[in-house]
PDB file of all heavy atoms in Angstrom:
ATOM      1  N   ALA A   1      90.079 157.139   2.453  1.00  0.00           N
ATOM      2  CA  ALA A   1      90.900 155.878   2.810  1.00  0.00           C
ATOM      3  C   ALA A   1      90.234 155.108   3.955  1.00  0.00           C
ATOM      4  O   ALA A   1      90.392 153.910   4.024  1.00  0.00           O
ATOM      5  CB  ALA A   1      92.323 156.260   3.164  1.00  0.00           C
ATOM      6  N   ALA A   2      89.561 155.839   4.860  1.00  0.00           N
ATOM      7  CA  ALA A   2      88.726 155.166   5.905  1.00  0.00           C
ATOM      8  C   ALA A   2      89.428 154.086   6.657  1.00  0.00           C
ATOM      9  O   ALA A   2      88.849 153.036   6.867  1.00  0.00           O
ATOM     10  CB  ALA A   2      87.409 154.649   5.277  1.00  0.00           C
ATOM     11  N   HIS A   3      90.553 154.444   7.208  1.00  0.00           N
ATOM     12  CA  HIS A   3      91.259 153.414   8.035  1.00  0.00           C
ATOM     13  C   HIS A   3      90.910 153.528   9.543  1.00  0.00           C
ATOM     14  O   HIS A   3      91.400 152.753  10.284  1.00  0.00           O
ATOM     15  CB  HIS A   3      92.766 153.642   7.857  1.00  0.00           C
ATOM     16  CG  HIS A   3      93.285 153.323   6.507  1.00  0.00           C
ATOM     17  ND1 HIS A   3      94.142 154.141   5.805  1.00  0.00           N
ATOM     18  CD2 HIS A   3      92.921 152.265   5.660  1.00  0.00           C
ATOM     19  CE1 HIS A   3      94.411 153.572   4.682  1.00  0.00           C
ATOM     20  NE2 HIS A   3      93.578 152.542   4.512  1.00  0.00           N
ATOM     21  N   LEU A   4      90.086 154.412   9.892  1.00  0.00           N
ATOM     22  CA  LEU A   4      89.786 154.682  11.307  1.00  0.00           C
ATOM     23  C   LEU A   4      89.182 153.390  12.000  1.00  0.00           C
ATOM     24  O   LEU A   4      89.636 153.083  13.077  1.00  0.00           O
ATOM     25  CB  LEU A   4      88.886 155.873  11.488  1.00  0.00           C
ATOM     26  CG  LEU A   4      88.568 156.279  12.976  1.00  0.00           C
ATOM     27  CD1 LEU A   4      89.927 156.605  13.726  1.00  0.00           C
ATOM     28  CD2 LEU A   4      87.688 157.485  13.032  1.00  0.00           C
ATOM     29  N   ALA A   5      88.206 152.824  11.434  1.00  0.00           N
ATOM     30  CA  ALA A   5      87.580 151.707  12.037  1.00  0.00           C
ATOM     31  C   ALA A   5      88.634 150.558  12.260  1.00  0.00           C
ATOM     32  O   ALA A   5      88.668 149.943  13.283  1.00  0.00           O
ATOM     33  CB  ALA A   5      86.396 151.214  11.214  1.00  0.00           C
ATOM     34  N   GLY A   6      89.378 150.301  11.262  1.00  0.00           N
ATOM     35  CA  GLY A   6      90.468 149.273  11.373  1.00  0.00           C
ATOM     36  C   GLY A   6      91.533 149.626  12.417  1.00  0.00           C
ATOM     37  O   GLY A   6      91.961 148.747  13.152  1.00  0.00           O
ATOM     38  N   ALA A   7      91.806 150.931  12.522  1.00  0.00           N
ATOM     39  CA  ALA A   7      92.788 151.317  13.511  1.00  0.00           C
ATOM     40  C   ALA A   7      92.192 151.163  14.969  1.00  0.00           C
ATOM     41  O   ALA A   7      92.966 150.701  15.844  1.00  0.00           O
ATOM     42  CB  ALA A   7      93.156 152.784  13.301  1.00  0.00           C
ATOM     43  N   MET A   8      90.886 151.411  15.051  1.00  0.00           N
ATOM     44  CA  MET A   8      90.336 151.266  16.376  1.00  0.00           C
ATOM     45  C   MET A   8      90.227 149.750  16.677  1.00  0.00           C
ATOM     46  O   MET A   8      90.571 149.331  17.847  1.00  0.00           O
ATOM     47  CB  MET A   8      88.832 151.772  16.347  1.00  0.00           C
ATOM     48  CG  MET A   8      88.741 153.319  16.259  1.00  0.00           C
ATOM     49  SD  MET A   8      89.032 154.033  17.913  1.00  0.00           S
ATOM     50  CE  MET A   8      90.357 155.097  17.530  1.00  0.00           C
ATOM     51  N   ALA A   9      89.817 148.946  15.742  1.00  0.00           N
ATOM     52  CA  ALA A   9      89.732 147.464  15.935  1.00  0.00           C
ATOM     53  C   ALA A   9      91.082 146.856  16.295  1.00  0.00           C
ATOM     54  O   ALA A   9      91.082 145.913  17.036  1.00  0.00           O
ATOM     55  CB  ALA A   9      89.095 146.834  14.704  1.00  0.00           C
ATOM     56  N   ALA A  10      92.134 147.351  15.707  1.00  0.00           N
ATOM     57  CA  ALA A  10      93.480 146.842  15.980  1.00  0.00           C
ATOM     58  C   ALA A  10      93.876 147.017  17.433  1.00  0.00           C
ATOM     59  O   ALA A  10      94.664 146.329  17.998  1.00  0.00           O
ATOM     60  CB  ALA A  10      94.476 147.503  15.048  1.00  0.00           C
ATOM     61  N   GLY A  11      93.233 148.031  18.109  1.00  0.00           N
ATOM     62  CA  GLY A  11      93.618 148.416  19.453  1.00  0.00           C
ATOM     63  C   GLY A  11      92.694 147.894  20.545  1.00  0.00           C
ATOM     64  O   GLY A  11      92.930 148.177  21.704  1.00  0.00           O
ATOM     65  N   THR A  12      91.696 147.113  20.146  1.00  0.00           N
ATOM     66  CA  THR A  12      90.742 146.733  21.232  1.00  0.00           C
ATOM     67  C   THR A  12      90.046 145.438  20.778  1.00  0.00           C
ATOM     68  O   THR A  12      90.069 145.077  19.583  1.00  0.00           O
ATOM     69  CB  THR A  12      89.606 147.800  21.377  1.00  0.00           C
ATOM     70  OG1 THR A  12      88.782 147.387  22.560  1.00  0.00           O
ATOM     71  CG2 THR A  12      88.729 147.985  20.099  1.00  0.00           C
ATOM     72  N   THR A  13      89.513 144.747  21.773  1.00  0.00           N
ATOM     73  CA  THR A  13      88.686 143.520  21.467  1.00  0.00           C
ATOM     74  C   THR A  13      87.225 143.820  21.573  1.00  0.00           C
ATOM     75  O   THR A  13      86.377 142.972  21.428  1.00  0.00           O
ATOM     76  CB  THR A  13      89.079 142.372  22.423  1.00  0.00           C
ATOM     77  OG1 THR A  13      88.861 142.778  23.761  1.00  0.00           O
ATOM     78  CG2 THR A  13      90.432 141.913  22.174  1.00  0.00           C
ATOM     79  N   LEU A  14      86.909 145.169  21.783  1.00  0.00           N
ATOM     80  CA  LEU A  14      85.478 145.579  21.738  1.00  0.00           C
ATOM     81  C   LEU A  14      84.945 145.481  20.331  1.00  0.00           C
ATOM     82  O   LEU A  14      85.667 145.630  19.391  1.00  0.00           O
ATOM     83  CB  LEU A  14      85.301 146.961  22.253  1.00  0.00           C
ATOM     84  CG  LEU A  14      85.638 147.188  23.750  1.00  0.00           C
ATOM     85  CD1 LEU A  14      85.537 148.732  24.029  1.00  0.00           C
ATOM     86  CD2 LEU A  14      84.599 146.386  24.593  1.00  0.00           C
ATOM     87  N   PRO A  15      83.625 145.293  20.158  1.00  0.00           N
ATOM     88  CA  PRO A  15      83.033 145.393  18.821  1.00  0.00           C
ATOM     89  C   PRO A  15      83.243 146.740  18.239  1.00  0.00           C
ATOM     90  O   PRO A  15      83.058 147.809  18.944  1.00  0.00           O
ATOM     91  CB  PRO A  15      81.548 145.156  19.048  1.00  0.00           C
ATOM     92  CG  PRO A  15      81.406 144.544  20.373  1.00  0.00           C
ATOM     93  CD  PRO A  15      82.605 144.949  21.167  1.00  0.00           C
ATOM     94  N   VAL A  16      83.668 146.803  16.977  1.00  0.00           N
ATOM     95  CA  VAL A  16      83.825 148.087  16.286  1.00  0.00           C
ATOM     96  C   VAL A  16      82.923 148.104  15.080  1.00  0.00           C
ATOM     97  O   VAL A  16      82.921 147.093  14.378  1.00  0.00           O
ATOM     98  CB  VAL A  16      85.291 148.276  15.852  1.00  0.00           C
ATOM     99  CG1 VAL A  16      85.503 149.575  15.011  1.00  0.00           C
ATOM    100  CG2 VAL A  16      86.213 148.441  17.030  1.00  0.00           C
ATOM    101  N   ILE A  17      82.262 149.178  14.858  1.00  0.00           N
ATOM    102  CA  ILE A  17      81.274 149.274  13.791  1.00  0.00           C
ATOM    103  C   ILE A  17      81.781 150.539  12.938  1.00  0.00           C
ATOM    104  O   ILE A  17      81.912 151.605  13.427  1.00  0.00           O
ATOM    105  CB  ILE A  17      79.829 149.528  14.208  1.00  0.00           C
ATOM    106  CG1 ILE A  17      79.345 148.391  15.133  1.00  0.00           C
ATOM    107  CG2 ILE A  17      78.897 149.755  13.023  1.00  0.00           C
ATOM    108  CD1 ILE A  17      78.055 148.659  15.925  1.00  0.00           C
ATOM    109  N   GLY A  18      82.026 150.216  11.631  1.00  0.00           N
ATOM    110  CA  GLY A  18      82.483 151.266  10.753  1.00  0.00           C
ATOM    111  C   GLY A  18      81.356 151.837   9.983  1.00  0.00           C
ATOM    112  O   GLY A  18      80.519 151.157   9.449  1.00  0.00           O
ATOM    113  N   ILE A  19      81.395 153.200   9.877  1.00  0.00           N
ATOM    114  CA  ILE A  19      80.487 153.926   8.993  1.00  0.00           C
ATOM    115  C   ILE A  19      81.381 154.569   7.894  1.00  0.00           C
ATOM    116  O   ILE A  19      82.113 155.517   8.143  1.00  0.00           O
ATOM    117  CB  ILE A  19      79.784 155.083   9.722  1.00  0.00           C
ATOM    118  CG1 ILE A  19      79.060 154.631  10.951  1.00  0.00           C
ATOM    119  CG2 ILE A  19      78.799 155.843   8.769  1.00  0.00           C
ATOM    120  CD1 ILE A  19      78.451 155.771  11.780  1.00  0.00           C
ATOM    121  N   PRO A  20      81.227 153.994   6.684  1.00  0.00           N
ATOM    122  CA  PRO A  20      81.929 154.657   5.556  1.00  0.00           C
ATOM    123  C   PRO A  20      81.175 155.969   5.216  1.00  0.00           C
ATOM    124  O   PRO A  20      79.935 155.952   5.094  1.00  0.00           O
ATOM    125  CB  PRO A  20      81.807 153.664   4.467  1.00  0.00           C
ATOM    126  CG  PRO A  20      81.077 152.495   4.944  1.00  0.00           C
ATOM    127  CD  PRO A  20      80.461 152.864   6.272  1.00  0.00           C
ATOM    128  N   ILE A  21      81.959 157.001   5.067  1.00  0.00           N
ATOM    129  CA  ILE A  21      81.382 158.364   4.816  1.00  0.00           C
ATOM    130  C   ILE A  21      81.475 158.736   3.335  1.00  0.00           C
ATOM    131  O   ILE A  21      82.543 158.519   2.744  1.00  0.00           O
ATOM    132  CB  ILE A  21      82.065 159.477   5.684  1.00  0.00           C
ATOM    133  CG1 ILE A  21      81.891 159.132   7.197  1.00  0.00           C
ATOM    134  CG2 ILE A  21      81.493 160.849   5.336  1.00  0.00           C
ATOM    135  CD1 ILE A  21      80.537 159.225   7.757  1.00  0.00           C
ATOM    136  N   LYS A  22      80.388 159.182   2.745  1.00  0.00           N
ATOM    137  CA  LYS A  22      80.377 159.575   1.355  1.00  0.00           C
ATOM    138  C   LYS A  22      81.329 160.756   1.132  1.00  0.00           C
ATOM    139  O   LYS A  22      81.422 161.659   1.874  1.00  0.00           O
ATOM    140  CB  LYS A  22      78.976 160.008   0.964  1.00  0.00           C
ATOM    141  CG  LYS A  22      78.739 160.201  -0.489  1.00  0.00           C
ATOM    142  CD  LYS A  22      77.309 160.488  -0.784  1.00  0.00           C
ATOM    143  CE  LYS A  22      77.128 160.698  -2.287  1.00  0.00           C
ATOM    144  NZ  LYS A  22      75.676 160.790  -2.658  1.00  0.00           N
ATOM    145  N   SER A  23      82.084 160.656   0.027  1.00  0.00           N
ATOM    146  CA  SER A  23      82.936 161.686  -0.407  1.00  0.00           C
ATOM    147  C   SER A  23      82.563 162.265  -1.712  1.00  0.00           C
ATOM    148  O   SER A  23      81.801 161.624  -2.486  1.00  0.00           O
ATOM    149  CB  SER A  23      84.424 161.160  -0.435  1.00  0.00           C
ATOM    150  OG  SER A  23      84.541 160.133  -1.392  1.00  0.00           O
ATOM    151  N   LYS A  24      83.188 163.344  -2.141  1.00  0.00           N
ATOM    152  CA  LYS A  24      82.890 163.897  -3.501  1.00  0.00           C
ATOM    153  C   LYS A  24      83.383 163.102  -4.638  1.00  0.00           C
ATOM    154  O   LYS A  24      82.643 162.918  -5.615  1.00  0.00           O
ATOM    155  CB  LYS A  24      83.544 165.310  -3.581  1.00  0.00           C
ATOM    156  CG  LYS A  24      82.928 166.410  -2.613  1.00  0.00           C
ATOM    157  CD  LYS A  24      83.575 167.711  -2.928  1.00  0.00           C
ATOM    158  CE  LYS A  24      84.861 167.698  -2.219  1.00  0.00           C
ATOM    159  NZ  LYS A  24      85.587 169.016  -2.280  1.00  0.00           N
ATOM    160  N   ASN A  25      84.531 162.476  -4.480  1.00  0.00           N
ATOM    161  CA  ASN A  25      85.213 161.828  -5.611  1.00  0.00           C
ATOM    162  C   ASN A  25      84.547 160.520  -5.931  1.00  0.00           C
ATOM    163  O   ASN A  25      84.230 160.292  -7.178  1.00  0.00           O
ATOM    164  CB  ASN A  25      86.642 161.708  -5.391  1.00  0.00           C
ATOM    165  CG  ASN A  25      87.357 163.052  -5.211  1.00  0.00           C
ATOM    166  OD1 ASN A  25      86.971 164.046  -5.853  1.00  0.00           O
ATOM    167  ND2 ASN A  25      88.404 163.059  -4.503  1.00  0.00           N
ATOM    168  N   LEU A  26      84.381 159.646  -5.075  1.00  0.00           N
ATOM    169  CA  LEU A  26      83.945 158.253  -5.364  1.00  0.00           C
ATOM    170  C   LEU A  26      82.604 157.931  -4.632  1.00  0.00           C
ATOM    171  O   LEU A  26      82.281 156.677  -4.467  1.00  0.00           O
ATOM    172  CB  LEU A  26      85.031 157.227  -4.966  1.00  0.00           C
ATOM    173  CG  LEU A  26      86.284 157.433  -5.803  1.00  0.00           C
ATOM    174  CD1 LEU A  26      87.457 156.550  -5.303  1.00  0.00           C
ATOM    175  CD2 LEU A  26      86.068 157.165  -7.312  1.00  0.00           C
ATOM    176  N   ASP A  27      81.878 158.851  -4.111  1.00  0.00           N
ATOM    177  CA  ASP A  27      80.615 158.682  -3.487  1.00  0.00           C
ATOM    178  C   ASP A  27      80.575 157.728  -2.303  1.00  0.00           C
ATOM    179  O   ASP A  27      79.602 157.082  -2.010  1.00  0.00           O
ATOM    180  CB  ASP A  27      79.552 158.244  -4.522  1.00  0.00           C
ATOM    181  CG  ASP A  27      79.060 159.316  -5.462  1.00  0.00           C
ATOM    182  OD1 ASP A  27      79.160 160.468  -5.026  1.00  0.00           O
ATOM    183  OD2 ASP A  27      78.656 158.933  -6.593  1.00  0.00           O
ATOM    184  N   GLY A  28      81.770 157.566  -1.708  1.00  0.00           N
ATOM    185  CA  GLY A  28      81.942 156.788  -0.535  1.00  0.00           C
ATOM    186  C   GLY A  28      82.197 155.276  -0.772  1.00  0.00           C
ATOM    187  O   GLY A  28      82.467 154.606   0.205  1.00  0.00           O
ATOM    188  N   VAL A  29      82.275 154.907  -2.084  1.00  0.00           N
ATOM    189  CA  VAL A  29      82.655 153.563  -2.432  1.00  0.00           C
ATOM    190  C   VAL A  29      84.051 153.232  -1.890  1.00  0.00           C
ATOM    191  O   VAL A  29      84.292 152.087  -1.382  1.00  0.00           O
ATOM    192  CB  VAL A  29      82.486 153.234  -3.834  1.00  0.00           C
ATOM    193  CG1 VAL A  29      83.006 151.855  -4.212  1.00  0.00           C
ATOM    194  CG2 VAL A  29      80.963 153.420  -4.272  1.00  0.00           C
ATOM    195  N   ASP A  30      84.954 154.166  -2.018  1.00  0.00           N
ATOM    196  CA  ASP A  30      86.335 154.027  -1.447  1.00  0.00           C
ATOM    197  C   ASP A  30      86.354 153.786  -0.023  1.00  0.00           C
ATOM    198  O   ASP A  30      86.982 152.906   0.492  1.00  0.00           O
ATOM    199  CB  ASP A  30      87.191 155.281  -1.850  1.00  0.00           C
ATOM    200  CG  ASP A  30      86.545 156.587  -1.501  1.00  0.00           C
ATOM    201  OD1 ASP A  30      85.335 156.618  -1.199  1.00  0.00           O
ATOM    202  OD2 ASP A  30      87.208 157.647  -1.451  1.00  0.00           O
ATOM    203  N   ALA A  31      85.521 154.500   0.756  1.00  0.00           N
ATOM    204  CA  ALA A  31      85.445 154.307   2.172  1.00  0.00           C
ATOM    205  C   ALA A  31      84.753 152.983   2.550  1.00  0.00           C
ATOM    206  O   ALA A  31      85.181 152.330   3.503  1.00  0.00           O
ATOM    207  CB  ALA A  31      84.658 155.432   2.900  1.00  0.00           C
ATOM    208  N   LEU A  32      83.742 152.671   1.734  1.00  0.00           N
ATOM    209  CA  LEU A  32      83.143 151.292   2.023  1.00  0.00           C
ATOM    210  C   LEU A  32      84.062 150.195   1.854  1.00  0.00           C
ATOM    211  O   LEU A  32      84.178 149.363   2.774  1.00  0.00           O
ATOM    212  CB  LEU A  32      81.947 151.185   1.060  1.00  0.00           C
ATOM    213  CG  LEU A  32      81.220 149.828   1.083  1.00  0.00           C
ATOM    214  CD1 LEU A  32      80.583 149.576   2.413  1.00  0.00           C
ATOM    215  CD2 LEU A  32      80.220 149.674  -0.073  1.00  0.00           C
ATOM    216  N   LEU A  33      84.855 150.197   0.757  1.00  0.00           N
ATOM    217  CA  LEU A  33      85.763 149.154   0.559  1.00  0.00           C
ATOM    218  C   LEU A  33      86.888 149.098   1.626  1.00  0.00           C
ATOM    219  O   LEU A  33      87.316 148.071   2.007  1.00  0.00           O
ATOM    220  CB  LEU A  33      86.363 149.216  -0.883  1.00  0.00           C
ATOM    221  CG  LEU A  33      85.310 149.019  -2.046  1.00  0.00           C
ATOM    222  CD1 LEU A  33      85.951 149.227  -3.363  1.00  0.00           C
ATOM    223  CD2 LEU A  33      84.687 147.586  -1.859  1.00  0.00           C
ATOM    224  N   SER A  34      87.378 150.299   1.957  1.00  0.00           N
ATOM    225  CA  SER A  34      88.451 150.370   2.997  1.00  0.00           C
ATOM    226  C   SER A  34      87.939 149.856   4.352  1.00  0.00           C
ATOM    227  O   SER A  34      88.637 149.216   5.092  1.00  0.00           O
ATOM    228  CB  SER A  34      88.884 151.785   3.172  1.00  0.00           C
ATOM    229  OG  SER A  34      89.598 152.289   2.110  1.00  0.00           O
ATOM    230  N   THR A  35      86.695 150.149   4.648  1.00  0.00           N
ATOM    231  CA  THR A  35      86.167 149.739   5.961  1.00  0.00           C
ATOM    232  C   THR A  35      85.799 148.213   5.999  1.00  0.00           C
ATOM    233  O   THR A  35      86.014 147.539   6.967  1.00  0.00           O
ATOM    234  CB  THR A  35      84.872 150.555   6.269  1.00  0.00           C
ATOM    235  OG1 THR A  35      85.235 151.914   6.207  1.00  0.00           O
ATOM    236  CG2 THR A  35      84.368 150.262   7.698  1.00  0.00           C
ATOM    237  N   VAL A  36      85.232 147.668   4.910  1.00  0.00           N
ATOM    238  CA  VAL A  36      84.714 146.353   4.886  1.00  0.00           C
ATOM    239  C   VAL A  36      85.887 145.308   4.670  1.00  0.00           C
ATOM    240  O   VAL A  36      85.711 144.169   5.168  1.00  0.00           O
ATOM    241  CB  VAL A  36      83.561 146.198   3.896  1.00  0.00           C
ATOM    242  CG1 VAL A  36      84.142 146.040   2.406  1.00  0.00           C
ATOM    243  CG2 VAL A  36      82.673 145.046   4.216  1.00  0.00           C
ATOM    244  N   GLN A  37      86.936 145.678   4.027  1.00  0.00           N
ATOM    245  CA  GLN A  37      87.981 144.750   3.708  1.00  0.00           C
ATOM    246  C   GLN A  37      89.036 144.626   4.838  1.00  0.00           C
ATOM    247  O   GLN A  37      90.208 144.930   4.568  1.00  0.00           O
ATOM    248  CB  GLN A  37      88.676 145.063   2.375  1.00  0.00           C
ATOM    249  CG  GLN A  37      87.747 144.933   1.226  1.00  0.00           C
ATOM    250  CD  GLN A  37      87.496 143.512   0.829  1.00  0.00           C
ATOM    251  OE1 GLN A  37      88.029 142.595   1.352  1.00  0.00           O
ATOM    252  NE2 GLN A  37      86.475 143.291  -0.058  1.00  0.00           N
ATOM    253  N   MET A  38      88.682 144.154   6.002  1.00  0.00           N
ATOM    254  CA  MET A  38      89.593 144.021   7.079  1.00  0.00           C
ATOM    255  C   MET A  38      90.294 142.674   7.028  1.00  0.00           C
ATOM    256  O   MET A  38      89.691 141.613   6.602  1.00  0.00           O
ATOM    257  CB  MET A  38      88.929 144.138   8.403  1.00  0.00           C
ATOM    258  CG  MET A  38      88.440 145.594   8.646  1.00  0.00           C
ATOM    259  SD  MET A  38      89.751 146.788   8.670  1.00  0.00           S
ATOM    260  CE  MET A  38      90.723 146.124  10.048  1.00  0.00           C
ATOM    261  N   PRO A  39      91.570 142.570   7.494  1.00  0.00           N
ATOM    262  CA  PRO A  39      92.259 141.301   7.472  1.00  0.00           C
ATOM    263  C   PRO A  39      91.652 140.330   8.576  1.00  0.00           C
ATOM    264  O   PRO A  39      91.112 140.758   9.546  1.00  0.00           O
ATOM    265  CB  PRO A  39      93.644 141.588   7.765  1.00  0.00           C
ATOM    266  CG  PRO A  39      93.614 142.880   8.510  1.00  0.00           C
ATOM    267  CD  PRO A  39      92.406 143.656   7.976  1.00  0.00           C
ATOM    268  N   SER A  40      91.802 139.031   8.331  1.00  0.00           N
ATOM    269  CA  SER A  40      91.245 138.039   9.235  1.00  0.00           C
ATOM    270  C   SER A  40      91.853 138.299  10.628  1.00  0.00           C
ATOM    271  O   SER A  40      93.100 138.553  10.695  1.00  0.00           O
ATOM    272  CB  SER A  40      91.709 136.600   8.740  1.00  0.00           C
ATOM    273  OG  SER A  40      91.208 135.673   9.567  1.00  0.00           O
ATOM    274  N   GLY A  41      91.061 138.217  11.604  1.00  0.00           N
ATOM    275  CA  GLY A  41      91.526 138.367  12.978  1.00  0.00           C
ATOM    276  C   GLY A  41      91.198 139.779  13.513  1.00  0.00           C
ATOM    277  O   GLY A  41      91.324 140.011  14.733  1.00  0.00           O
ATOM    278  N   ILE A  42      90.906 140.774  12.649  1.00  0.00           N
ATOM    279  CA  ILE A  42      90.570 142.154  13.130  1.00  0.00           C
ATOM    280  C   ILE A  42      89.200 142.513  12.504  1.00  0.00           C
ATOM    281  O   ILE A  42      89.197 143.236  11.508  1.00  0.00           O
ATOM    282  CB  ILE A  42      91.683 143.145  12.734  1.00  0.00           C
ATOM    283  CG1 ILE A  42      93.078 142.664  13.089  1.00  0.00           C
ATOM    284  CG2 ILE A  42      91.421 144.558  13.285  1.00  0.00           C
ATOM    285  CD1 ILE A  42      93.299 142.625  14.606  1.00  0.00           C
ATOM    286  N   PRO A  43      88.163 141.997  13.045  1.00  0.00           N
ATOM    287  CA  PRO A  43      86.822 142.249  12.430  1.00  0.00           C
ATOM    288  C   PRO A  43      86.372 143.691  12.690  1.00  0.00           C
ATOM    289  O   PRO A  43      86.561 144.249  13.784  1.00  0.00           O
ATOM    290  CB  PRO A  43      85.961 141.308  13.083  1.00  0.00           C
ATOM    291  CG  PRO A  43      86.533 140.996  14.459  1.00  0.00           C
ATOM    292  CD  PRO A  43      88.031 141.209  14.247  1.00  0.00           C
ATOM    293  N   VAL A  44      85.648 144.177  11.702  1.00  0.00           N
ATOM    294  CA  VAL A  44      84.901 145.448  11.784  1.00  0.00           C
ATOM    295  C   VAL A  44      83.599 145.219  11.124  1.00  0.00           C
ATOM    296  O   VAL A  44      83.532 144.846   9.960  1.00  0.00           O
ATOM    297  CB  VAL A  44      85.648 146.646  11.078  1.00  0.00           C
ATOM    298  CG1 VAL A  44      84.766 147.817  10.906  1.00  0.00           C
ATOM    299  CG2 VAL A  44      86.970 146.955  11.763  1.00  0.00           C
ATOM    300  N   ALA A  45      82.511 145.424  11.877  1.00  0.00           N
ATOM    301  CA  ALA A  45      81.133 145.360  11.308  1.00  0.00           C
ATOM    302  C   ALA A  45      81.013 146.661  10.502  1.00  0.00           C
ATOM    303  O   ALA A  45      81.388 147.756  10.928  1.00  0.00           O
ATOM    304  CB  ALA A  45      80.114 145.245  12.429  1.00  0.00           C
TER     305      ALA A  45
END
């Protein structure tokens, strides 16, 4: 589900960089999409 980067970004104005971690089930695509699809105003690189 990879919500950690978004949770961090919601609590700070520092730059946050997300690393999606590969999983067994979906090879990390799930984490990639969860990390990259942030709402406007809460950026995560």
